[in-house]
């Protein structure tokens, strides 16, 4: 995974994601954006298909539709 980190009070999320994606493409890895602001917990933004793949890799995980819930 190619990780881009930002610690800013106000973040231009789409610009930061573009930068993470461009760097990841050069490195041949999927992008991950880690972002936080002062005195707050950090968050991670990754592509949805990667997130779902990570969830599916977890033992016993199932995707349930709204109709089934």
Protein backbone atom coordinates (compact mmCIF):
# COMPACT_ATOMS: atom_id res chain seq x y z
CA UNK A 1 0.00 0.00 0.00
CA UNK A 2 1.22 3.51 -0.81
CA UNK A 3 0.46 5.75 2.16
CA UNK A 4 -0.01 9.53 1.99
CA UNK A 5 -0.28 11.32 5.36
CA UNK A 6 -1.82 14.72 6.07
CA UNK A 7 -2.08 16.52 9.40
CA UNK A 8 -4.07 19.67 8.68
CA UNK A 9 -6.89 21.56 10.34
CA UNK A 10 -8.73 21.83 7.01
CA UNK A 11 -8.01 19.24 4.34
CA UNK A 12 -8.89 19.38 0.68
CA UNK A 13 -9.89 15.71 0.67
CA UNK A 14 -10.22 15.32 -3.11
CA UNK A 15 -6.82 16.90 -3.77
CA UNK A 16 -5.23 14.74 -1.10
CA UNK A 17 -6.84 11.61 -2.61
CA UNK A 18 -5.58 12.59 -6.07
CA UNK A 19 -2.06 13.00 -4.69
CA UNK A 20 -2.25 9.64 -2.90
CA UNK A 21 -3.51 8.00 -6.10
CA UNK A 22 -0.78 9.54 -8.27
CA UNK A 23 1.94 8.43 -5.85
CA UNK A 24 0.44 4.95 -5.58
CA UNK A 25 0.29 4.58 -9.35
CA UNK A 26 4.02 5.36 -9.61
CA UNK A 27 4.81 2.80 -6.91
CA UNK A 28 2.40 0.13 -8.17
CA UNK A 29 0.46 -0.15 -4.91
CA UNK A 30 -3.10 0.74 -3.90
CA UNK A 31 -3.45 4.21 -2.33
CA UNK A 32 -4.22 4.97 1.30
CA UNK A 33 -4.71 8.45 2.71
CA UNK A 34 -4.16 8.89 6.46
CA UNK A 35 -5.44 12.23 7.72
CA UNK A 36 -5.90 13.95 11.05
CA UNK A 37 -6.10 17.33 12.65
CA UNK A 38 -4.67 18.50 15.93
CA UNK A 39 -5.93 16.66 19.01
CA UNK A 40 -8.13 14.33 16.92
CA UNK A 41 -7.84 10.66 16.04
CA UNK A 42 -6.56 9.91 12.54
CA UNK A 43 -8.71 8.43 9.78
CA UNK A 44 -7.81 6.35 6.74
CA UNK A 45 -9.34 6.62 3.27
CA UNK A 46 -8.83 3.68 0.90
CA UNK A 47 -10.63 2.63 -2.29
CA UNK A 48 -13.96 0.91 -1.59
CA UNK A 49 -12.99 -2.26 -3.48
CA UNK A 50 -9.88 -2.59 -1.28
CA UNK A 51 -11.95 -2.06 1.88
CA UNK A 52 -14.45 -4.74 0.82
CA UNK A 53 -11.59 -7.09 -0.02
CA UNK A 54 -10.12 -6.59 3.45
CA UNK A 55 -13.50 -7.28 5.02
CA UNK A 56 -14.03 -10.41 2.94
CA UNK A 57 -10.58 -11.68 3.92
CA UNK A 58 -11.66 -11.50 7.52
CA UNK A 59 -12.93 -14.85 8.72
CA UNK A 60 -16.72 -15.10 8.90
CA UNK A 61 -17.49 -11.75 7.27
CA UNK A 62 -20.60 -11.57 5.08
CA UNK A 63 -22.10 -8.67 3.15
CA UNK A 64 -25.80 -8.39 3.99
CA UNK A 65 -28.20 -6.31 1.93
CA UNK A 66 -30.75 -3.99 3.54
CA UNK A 67 -33.51 -6.43 2.61
CA UNK A 68 -31.80 -9.26 4.48
CA UNK A 69 -30.99 -7.22 7.61
